[in-house]
Amino acid sequence: MPSFVTLLLHPDRRRPDPAPWRVDLRVVILAGMALWTAALVVCAVLLATGTLGPRAVTTCGAGLVLGLLGLAWERRNRTRYRASSDD
């Protein structure tokens, strides 16, 4: 097995990259949004009890908004990223 320095100096000696996995991004984004929703509920309860400040709730809300933007991007680019994974 070649050393790390040898691979840095001669990248042609590396093994070929593995093929990318085909992933349904909608499922990944929805799973992330579900986790942000669960965190939002927990943080809202902790905010109501006075244990936590509003920054955590805001962070969870931002995570949900980014998830919605991710869903919109996925819907717009679905055919392109699925076609590129067929190569």
PDB file of N, CA and C in Angstrom:
ATOM      1  N   MET A   1       0.852  -1.176   0.000  1.00  0.00           N
ATOM      2  CA  MET A   1       0.000   0.000   0.000  1.00  0.00           C
ATOM      3  C   MET A   1       0.896   1.238   0.000  1.00  0.00           C
ATOM      4  N   PRO A   2       0.673   2.148  -0.947  1.00  0.00           N
ATOM      5  CA  PRO A   2       1.508   3.342  -1.015  1.00  0.00           C
ATOM      6  C   PRO A   2       1.258   4.261   0.181  1.00  0.00           C
ATOM      7  N   SER A   3       2.266   5.024   0.529  1.00  0.00           N
ATOM      8  CA  SER A   3       2.133   5.943   1.658  1.00  0.00           C
ATOM      9  C   SER A   3       1.264   7.138   1.264  1.00  0.00           C
ATOM     10  N   PHE A   4       0.844   7.861   2.280  1.00  0.00           N
ATOM     11  CA  PHE A   4       0.005   9.036   2.078  1.00  0.00           C
ATOM     12  C   PHE A   4       0.729  10.080   1.226  1.00  0.00           C
ATOM     13  N   VAL A   5       1.996  10.293   1.507  1.00  0.00           N
ATOM     14  CA  VAL A   5       2.779  11.279   0.759  1.00  0.00           C
ATOM     15  C   VAL A   5       2.911  10.856  -0.703  1.00  0.00           C
ATOM     16  N   THR A   6       3.113   9.564  -0.934  1.00  0.00           N
ATOM     17  CA  THR A   6       3.216   9.067  -2.306  1.00  0.00           C
ATOM     18  C   THR A   6       1.918   9.320  -3.069  1.00  0.00           C
ATOM     19  N   LEU A   7       0.796   9.102  -2.412  1.00  0.00           N
ATOM     20  CA  LEU A   7      -0.491   9.340  -3.069  1.00  0.00           C
ATOM     21  C   LEU A   7      -0.720  10.822  -3.342  1.00  0.00           C
ATOM     22  N   LEU A   8      -0.224  11.679  -2.449  1.00  0.00           N
ATOM     23  CA  LEU A   8      -0.353  13.115  -2.697  1.00  0.00           C
ATOM     24  C   LEU A   8       0.513  13.561  -3.869  1.00  0.00           C
ATOM     25  N   LEU A   9       1.699  12.977  -3.961  1.00  0.00           N
ATOM     26  CA  LEU A   9       2.605  13.362  -5.046  1.00  0.00           C
ATOM     27  C   LEU A   9       2.239  12.717  -6.379  1.00  0.00           C
ATOM     28  N   HIS A  10       1.620  11.533  -6.325  1.00  0.00           N
ATOM     29  CA  HIS A  10       1.261  10.788  -7.542  1.00  0.00           C
ATOM     30  C   HIS A  10      -0.201  10.324  -7.441  1.00  0.00           C
ATOM     31  N   PRO A  11      -1.162  11.208  -7.690  1.00  0.00           N
ATOM     32  CA  PRO A  11      -2.569  10.821  -7.550  1.00  0.00           C
ATOM     33  C   PRO A  11      -3.004   9.730  -8.523  1.00  0.00           C
ATOM     34  N   ASP A  12      -2.243   9.510  -9.583  1.00  0.00           N
ATOM     35  CA  ASP A  12      -2.605   8.464 -10.544  1.00  0.00           C
ATOM     36  C   ASP A  12      -2.429   7.066  -9.953  1.00  0.00           C
ATOM     37  N   ARG A  13      -1.751   6.936  -8.832  1.00  0.00           N
ATOM     38  CA  ARG A  13      -1.550   5.633  -8.196  1.00  0.00           C
ATOM     39  C   ARG A  13      -2.692   5.256  -7.250  1.00  0.00           C
ATOM     40  N   ARG A  14      -3.632   6.152  -7.070  1.00  0.00           N
ATOM     41  CA  ARG A  14      -4.760   5.854  -6.187  1.00  0.00           C
ATOM     42  C   ARG A  14      -5.690   4.827  -6.814  1.00  0.00           C
ATOM     43  N   ARG A  15      -6.470   4.197  -5.961  1.00  0.00           N
ATOM     44  CA  ARG A  15      -7.536   3.333  -6.478  1.00  0.00           C
ATOM     45  C   ARG A  15      -8.614   4.220  -7.091  1.00  0.00           C
ATOM     46  N   PRO A  16      -9.391   3.702  -8.034  1.00  0.00           N
ATOM     47  CA  PRO A  16     -10.451   4.533  -8.624  1.00  0.00           C
ATOM     48  C   PRO A  16     -11.528   4.853  -7.584  1.00  0.00           C
ATOM     49  N   ASP A  17     -12.154   5.992  -7.760  1.00  0.00           N
ATOM     50  CA  ASP A  17     -13.222   6.400  -6.852  1.00  0.00           C
ATOM     51  C   ASP A  17     -14.407   5.452  -6.990  1.00  0.00           C
ATOM     52  N   PRO A  18     -15.095   5.160  -5.891  1.00  0.00           N
ATOM     53  CA  PRO A  18     -16.286   4.315  -5.998  1.00  0.00           C
ATOM     54  C   PRO A  18     -17.414   5.074  -6.698  1.00  0.00           C
ATOM     55  N   ALA A  19     -18.327   4.332  -7.261  1.00  0.00           N
ATOM     56  CA  ALA A  19     -19.477   4.948  -7.927  1.00  0.00           C
ATOM     57  C   ALA A  19     -20.365   5.614  -6.876  1.00  0.00           C
ATOM     58  N   PRO A  20     -20.952   6.768  -7.197  1.00  0.00           N
ATOM     59  CA  PRO A  20     -21.818   7.433  -6.222  1.00  0.00           C
ATOM     60  C   PRO A  20     -23.095   6.635  -5.994  1.00  0.00           C
ATOM     61  N   TRP A  21     -23.601   6.722  -4.771  1.00  0.00           N
ATOM     62  CA  TRP A  21     -24.850   6.040  -4.443  1.00  0.00           C
ATOM     63  C   TRP A  21     -26.017   6.823  -5.013  1.00  0.00           C
ATOM     64  N   ARG A  22     -27.027   6.095  -5.431  1.00  0.00           N
ATOM     65  CA  ARG A  22     -28.252   6.742  -5.889  1.00  0.00           C
ATOM     66  C   ARG A  22     -29.142   6.960  -4.663  1.00  0.00           C
ATOM     67  N   VAL A  23     -29.465   8.208  -4.383  1.00  0.00           N
ATOM     68  CA  VAL A  23     -30.195   8.575  -3.177  1.00  0.00           C
ATOM     69  C   VAL A  23     -31.396   9.426  -3.569  1.00  0.00           C
ATOM     70  N   ASP A  24     -32.525   9.164  -2.928  1.00  0.00           N
ATOM     71  CA  ASP A  24     -33.688  10.023  -3.115  1.00  0.00           C
ATOM     72  C   ASP A  24     -33.547  11.194  -2.139  1.00  0.00           C
ATOM     73  N   LEU A  25     -33.177  12.357  -2.654  1.00  0.00           N
ATOM     74  CA  LEU A  25     -32.911  13.505  -1.789  1.00  0.00           C
ATOM     75  C   LEU A  25     -34.143  13.964  -1.029  1.00  0.00           C
ATOM     76  N   ARG A  26     -35.318  13.742  -1.586  1.00  0.00           N
ATOM     77  CA  ARG A  26     -36.541  14.147  -0.896  1.00  0.00           C
ATOM     78  C   ARG A  26     -36.662  13.443   0.444  1.00  0.00           C
ATOM     79  N   VAL A  27     -36.328  12.149   0.481  1.00  0.00           N
ATOM     80  CA  VAL A  27     -36.397  11.384   1.732  1.00  0.00           C
ATOM     81  C   VAL A  27     -35.377  11.915   2.734  1.00  0.00           C
ATOM     82  N   VAL A  28     -34.187  12.223   2.258  1.00  0.00           N
ATOM     83  CA  VAL A  28     -33.133  12.740   3.137  1.00  0.00           C
ATOM     84  C   VAL A  28     -33.543  14.092   3.718  1.00  0.00           C
ATOM     85  N   ILE A  29     -34.081  14.967   2.879  1.00  0.00           N
ATOM     86  CA  ILE A  29     -34.489  16.297   3.337  1.00  0.00           C
ATOM     87  C   ILE A  29     -35.651  16.187   4.315  1.00  0.00           C
ATOM     88  N   LEU A  30     -36.623  15.327   4.019  1.00  0.00           N
ATOM     89  CA  LEU A  30     -37.756  15.160   4.931  1.00  0.00           C
ATOM     90  C   LEU A  30     -37.323  14.574   6.268  1.00  0.00           C
ATOM     91  N   ALA A  31     -36.357  13.674   6.262  1.00  0.00           N
ATOM     92  CA  ALA A  31     -35.841  13.127   7.523  1.00  0.00           C
ATOM     93  C   ALA A  31     -35.163  14.227   8.339  1.00  0.00           C
ATOM     94  N   GLY A  32     -34.389  15.066   7.678  1.00  0.00           N
ATOM     95  CA  GLY A  32     -33.765  16.185   8.375  1.00  0.00           C
ATOM     96  C   GLY A  32     -34.792  17.152   8.937  1.00  0.00           C
ATOM     97  N   MET A  33     -35.841  17.418   8.166  1.00  0.00           N
ATOM     98  CA  MET A  33     -36.898  18.307   8.648  1.00  0.00           C
ATOM     99  C   MET A  33     -37.636  17.703   9.832  1.00  0.00           C
ATOM    100  N   ALA A  34     -37.813  16.382   9.832  1.00  0.00           N
ATOM    101  CA  ALA A  34     -38.453  15.729  10.974  1.00  0.00           C
ATOM    102  C   ALA A  34     -37.602  15.889  12.232  1.00  0.00           C
ATOM    103  N   LEU A  35     -36.294  15.772  12.080  1.00  0.00           N
ATOM    104  CA  LEU A  35     -35.404  15.969  13.231  1.00  0.00           C
ATOM    105  C   LEU A  35     -35.439  17.416  13.719  1.00  0.00           C
ATOM    106  N   TRP A  36     -35.468  18.377  12.798  1.00  0.00           N
ATOM    107  CA  TRP A  36     -35.563  19.779  13.195  1.00  0.00           C
ATOM    108  C   TRP A  36     -36.901  20.060  13.881  1.00  0.00           C
ATOM    109  N   THR A  37     -37.976  19.413  13.422  1.00  0.00           N
ATOM    110  CA  THR A  37     -39.282  19.597  14.057  1.00  0.00           C
ATOM    111  C   THR A  37     -39.274  19.049  15.475  1.00  0.00           C
ATOM    112  N   ALA A  38     -38.693  17.865  15.666  1.00  0.00           N
ATOM    113  CA  ALA A  38     -38.599  17.292  17.015  1.00  0.00           C
ATOM    114  C   ALA A  38     -37.770  18.200  17.918  1.00  0.00           C
ATOM    115  N   ALA A  39     -36.672  18.718  17.394  1.00  0.00           N
ATOM    116  CA  ALA A  39     -35.843  19.631  18.184  1.00  0.00           C
ATOM    117  C   ALA A  39     -36.598  20.916  18.504  1.00  0.00           C
ATOM    118  N   LEU A  40     -37.411  21.389  17.566  1.00  0.00           N
ATOM    119  CA  LEU A  40     -38.199  22.597  17.794  1.00  0.00           C
ATOM    120  C   LEU A  40     -39.202  22.391  18.921  1.00  0.00           C
ATOM    121  N   VAL A  41     -39.855  21.243  18.938  1.00  0.00           N
ATOM    122  CA  VAL A  41     -40.822  20.950  20.002  1.00  0.00           C
ATOM    123  C   VAL A  41     -40.118  20.909  21.356  1.00  0.00           C
ATOM    124  N   VAL A  42     -38.988  20.221  21.417  1.00  0.00           N
ATOM    125  CA  VAL A  42     -38.242  20.133  22.679  1.00  0.00           C
ATOM    126  C   VAL A  42     -37.791  21.522  23.126  1.00  0.00           C
ATOM    127  N   CYS A  43     -37.257  22.299  22.206  1.00  0.00           N
ATOM    128  CA  CYS A  43     -36.780  23.638  22.556  1.00  0.00           C
ATOM    129  C   CYS A  43     -37.928  24.563  22.948  1.00  0.00           C
ATOM    130  N   ALA A  44     -39.078  24.410  22.314  1.00  0.00           N
ATOM    131  CA  ALA A  44     -40.236  25.234  22.675  1.00  0.00           C
ATOM    132  C   ALA A  44     -40.705  24.911  24.086  1.00  0.00           C
ATOM    133  N   VAL A  45     -40.698  23.628  24.445  1.00  0.00           N
ATOM    134  CA  VAL A  45     -41.075  23.242  25.811  1.00  0.00           C
ATOM    135  C   VAL A  45     -40.066  23.802  26.806  1.00  0.00           C
ATOM    136  N   LEU A  46     -38.780  23.688  26.493  1.00  0.00           N
ATOM    137  CA  LEU A  46     -37.751  24.222  27.389  1.00  0.00           C
ATOM    138  C   LEU A  46     -37.818  25.743  27.471  1.00  0.00           C
ATOM    139  N   LEU A  47     -38.195  26.397  26.381  1.00  0.00           N
ATOM    140  CA  LEU A  47     -38.376  27.845  26.406  1.00  0.00           C
ATOM    141  C   LEU A  47     -39.556  28.215  27.293  1.00  0.00           C
ATOM    142  N   ALA A  48     -40.644  27.442  27.213  1.00  0.00           N
ATOM    143  CA  ALA A  48     -41.827  27.714  28.029  1.00  0.00           C
ATOM    144  C   ALA A  48     -41.539  27.528  29.515  1.00  0.00           C
ATOM    145  N   THR A  49     -40.642  26.609  29.850  1.00  0.00           N
ATOM    146  CA  THR A  49     -40.303  26.394  31.263  1.00  0.00           C
ATOM    147  C   THR A  49     -39.215  27.351  31.739  1.00  0.00           C
ATOM    148  N   GLY A  50     -38.639  28.120  30.842  1.00  0.00           N
ATOM    149  CA  GLY A  50     -37.618  29.080  31.219  1.00  0.00           C
ATOM    150  C   GLY A  50     -36.220  28.502  31.295  1.00  0.00           C
ATOM    151  N   THR A  51     -36.049  27.275  30.863  1.00  0.00           N
ATOM    152  CA  THR A  51     -34.745  26.617  30.911  1.00  0.00           C
ATOM    153  C   THR A  51     -33.842  27.051  29.769  1.00  0.00           C
ATOM    154  N   LEU A  52     -34.433  27.441  28.671  1.00  0.00           N
ATOM    155  CA  LEU A  52     -33.681  27.714  27.451  1.00  0.00           C
ATOM    156  C   LEU A  52     -34.085  29.066  26.894  1.00  0.00           C
ATOM    157  N   GLY A  53     -33.167  29.716  26.209  1.00  0.00           N
ATOM    158  CA  GLY A  53     -33.458  31.000  25.587  1.00  0.00           C
ATOM    159  C   GLY A  53     -34.064  30.833  24.203  1.00  0.00           C
ATOM    160  N   PRO A  54     -34.467  31.934  23.591  1.00  0.00           N
ATOM    161  CA  PRO A  54     -35.136  31.865  22.282  1.00  0.00           C
ATOM    162  C   PRO A  54     -34.203  31.534  21.118  1.00  0.00           C
ATOM    163  N   ARG A  55     -32.902  31.609  21.324  1.00  0.00           N
ATOM    164  CA  ARG A  55     -31.977  31.357  20.219  1.00  0.00           C
ATOM    165  C   ARG A  55     -32.110  29.928  19.697  1.00  0.00           C
ATOM    166  N   ALA A  56     -32.298  28.960  20.571  1.00  0.00           N
ATOM    167  CA  ALA A  56     -32.417  27.563  20.142  1.00  0.00           C
ATOM    168  C   ALA A  56     -33.678  27.358  19.302  1.00  0.00           C
ATOM    169  N   VAL A  57     -34.772  27.993  19.709  1.00  0.00           N
ATOM    170  CA  VAL A  57     -36.020  27.882  18.941  1.00  0.00           C
ATOM    171  C   VAL A  57     -35.836  28.521  17.567  1.00  0.00           C
ATOM    172  N   THR A  58     -35.148  29.649  17.524  1.00  0.00           N
ATOM    173  CA  THR A  58     -34.878  30.319  16.253  1.00  0.00           C
ATOM    174  C   THR A  58     -34.009  29.445  15.351  1.00  0.00           C
ATOM    175  N   THR A  59     -33.023  28.788  15.944  1.00  0.00           N
ATOM    176  CA  THR A  59     -32.153  27.904  15.165  1.00  0.00           C
ATOM    177  C   THR A  59     -32.951  26.752  14.562  1.00  0.00           C
ATOM    178  N   CYS A  60     -33.839  26.162  15.344  1.00  0.00           N
ATOM    179  CA  CYS A  60     -34.667  25.064  14.827  1.00  0.00           C
ATOM    180  C   CYS A  60     -35.597  25.554  13.725  1.00  0.00           C
ATOM    181  N   GLY A  61     -36.152  26.748  13.901  1.00  0.00           N
ATOM    182  CA  GLY A  61     -36.994  27.322  12.852  1.00  0.00           C
ATOM    183  C   GLY A  61     -36.211  27.566  11.574  1.00  0.00           C
ATOM    184  N   ALA A  62     -34.978  28.034  11.722  1.00  0.00           N
ATOM    185  CA  ALA A  62     -34.129  28.239  10.543  1.00  0.00           C
ATOM    186  C   ALA A  62     -33.826  26.910   9.860  1.00  0.00           C
ATOM    187  N   GLY A  63     -33.632  25.853  10.641  1.00  0.00           N
ATOM    188  CA  GLY A  63     -33.408  24.533  10.055  1.00  0.00           C
ATOM    189  C   GLY A  63     -34.602  24.073   9.235  1.00  0.00           C
ATOM    190  N   LEU A  64     -35.806  24.347   9.735  1.00  0.00           N
ATOM    191  CA  LEU A  64     -37.013  23.985   8.980  1.00  0.00           C
ATOM    192  C   LEU A  64     -37.141  24.805   7.697  1.00  0.00           C
ATOM    193  N   VAL A  65     -36.832  26.090   7.779  1.00  0.00           N
ATOM    194  CA  VAL A  65     -36.899  26.937   6.581  1.00  0.00           C
ATOM    195  C   VAL A  65     -35.893  26.463   5.537  1.00  0.00           C
ATOM    196  N   LEU A  66     -34.684  26.129   5.977  1.00  0.00           N
ATOM    197  CA  LEU A  66     -33.691  25.604   5.035  1.00  0.00           C
ATOM    198  C   LEU A  66     -34.152  24.273   4.437  1.00  0.00           C
ATOM    199  N   GLY A  67     -34.844  23.465   5.228  1.00  0.00           N
ATOM    200  CA  GLY A  67     -35.400  22.225   4.697  1.00  0.00           C
ATOM    201  C   GLY A  67     -36.442  22.487   3.621  1.00  0.00           C
ATOM    202  N   LEU A  68     -37.281  23.492   3.839  1.00  0.00           N
ATOM    203  CA  LEU A  68     -38.273  23.849   2.818  1.00  0.00           C
ATOM    204  C   LEU A  68     -37.594  24.337   1.541  1.00  0.00           C
ATOM    205  N   LEU A  69     -36.539  25.122   1.702  1.00  0.00           N
ATOM    206  CA  LEU A  69     -35.785  25.555   0.521  1.00  0.00           C
ATOM    207  C   LEU A  69     -35.146  24.359  -0.177  1.00  0.00           C
ATOM    208  N   GLY A  70     -34.665  23.408   0.604  1.00  0.00           N
ATOM    209  CA  GLY A  70     -34.092  22.195   0.023  1.00  0.00           C
ATOM    210  C   GLY A  70     -35.126  21.387  -0.740  1.00  0.00           C
ATOM    211  N   LEU A  71     -36.347  21.312  -0.206  1.00  0.00           N
ATOM    212  CA  LEU A  71     -37.418  20.604  -0.921  1.00  0.00           C
ATOM    213  C   LEU A  71     -37.761  21.299  -2.236  1.00  0.00           C
ATOM    214  N   ALA A  72     -37.795  22.629  -2.198  1.00  0.00           N
ATOM    215  CA  ALA A  72     -38.078  23.371  -3.433  1.00  0.00           C
ATOM    216  C   ALA A  72     -36.974  23.131  -4.462  1.00  0.00           C
ATOM    217  N   TRP A  73     -35.714  23.154  -4.014  1.00  0.00           N
ATOM    218  CA  TRP A  73     -34.599  22.894  -4.931  1.00  0.00           C
ATOM    219  C   TRP A  73     -34.688  21.476  -5.489  1.00  0.00           C
ATOM    220  N   GLU A  74     -34.990  20.521  -4.621  1.00  0.00           N
ATOM    221  CA  GLU A  74     -35.071  19.121  -5.056  1.00  0.00           C
ATOM    222  C   GLU A  74     -36.164  18.952  -6.101  1.00  0.00           C
ATOM    223  N   ARG A  75     -37.286  19.585  -5.895  1.00  0.00           N
ATOM    224  CA  ARG A  75     -38.395  19.458  -6.853  1.00  0.00           C
ATOM    225  C   ARG A  75     -38.020  20.056  -8.209  1.00  0.00           C
ATOM    226  N   ARG A  76     -37.334  21.207  -8.180  1.00  0.00           N
ATOM    227  CA  ARG A  76     -36.944  21.870  -9.417  1.00  0.00           C
ATOM    228  C   ARG A  76     -35.858  21.109 -10.167  1.00  0.00           C
ATOM    229  N   ASN A  77     -34.956  20.465  -9.458  1.00  0.00           N
ATOM    230  CA  ASN A  77     -33.792  19.832 -10.080  1.00  0.00           C
ATOM    231  C   ASN A  77     -33.837  18.311 -10.044  1.00  0.00           C
ATOM    232  N   ARG A  78     -34.973  17.729  -9.762  1.00  0.00           N
ATOM    233  CA  ARG A  78     -35.088  16.278  -9.596  1.00  0.00           C
ATOM    234  C   ARG A  78     -34.617  15.509 -10.823  1.00  0.00           C
ATOM    235  N   THR A  79     -35.076  15.898 -11.981  1.00  0.00           N
ATOM    236  CA  THR A  79     -34.705  15.135 -13.181  1.00  0.00           C
ATOM    237  C   THR A  79     -33.218  15.255 -13.474  1.00  0.00           C
ATOM    238  N   ARG A  80     -32.632  16.416 -13.190  1.00  0.00           N
ATOM    239  CA  ARG A  80     -31.207  16.609 -13.479  1.00  0.00           C
ATOM    240  C   ARG A  80     -30.327  15.771 -12.552  1.00  0.00           C
ATOM    241  N   TYR A  81     -30.590  15.789 -11.233  1.00  0.00           N
ATOM    242  CA  TYR A  81     -29.700  15.032 -10.356  1.00  0.00           C
ATOM    243  C   TYR A  81     -29.952  13.535 -10.461  1.00  0.00           C
ATOM    244  N   ARG A  82     -31.173  13.132 -10.782  1.00  0.00           N
ATOM    245  CA  ARG A  82     -31.411  11.695 -10.969  1.00  0.00           C
ATOM    246  C   ARG A  82     -30.771  11.195 -12.257  1.00  0.00           C
ATOM    247  N   ALA A  83     -30.779  12.021 -13.291  1.00  0.00           N
ATOM    248  CA  ALA A  83     -30.144  11.624 -14.552  1.00  0.00           C
ATOM    249  C   ALA A  83     -28.630  11.545 -14.393  1.00  0.00           C
ATOM    250  N   SER A  84     -28.052  12.430 -13.590  1.00  0.00           N
ATOM    251  CA  SER A  84     -26.597  12.410 -13.411  1.00  0.00           C
ATOM    252  C   SER A  84     -26.154  11.214 -12.586  1.00  0.00           C
ATOM    253  N   SER A  85     -27.031  10.655 -11.752  1.00  0.00           N
ATOM    254  CA  SER A  85     -26.641   9.482 -10.956  1.00  0.00           C
ATOM    255  C   SER A  85     -26.787   8.189 -11.746  1.00  0.00           C
ATOM    256  N   ASP A  86     -27.393   8.247 -12.932  1.00  0.00           N
ATOM    257  CA  ASP A  86     -27.529   7.045 -13.766  1.00  0.00           C
ATOM    258  C   ASP A  86     -26.267   6.729 -14.549  1.00  0.00           C
ATOM    259  N   ASP A  87     -25.329   7.662 -14.597  1.00  0.00           N
ATOM    260  CA  ASP A  87     -24.107   7.471 -15.397  1.00  0.00           C
ATOM    261  C   ASP A  87     -23.310   6.278 -14.984  1.00  0.00           C
TER     262      ASP A  87
END
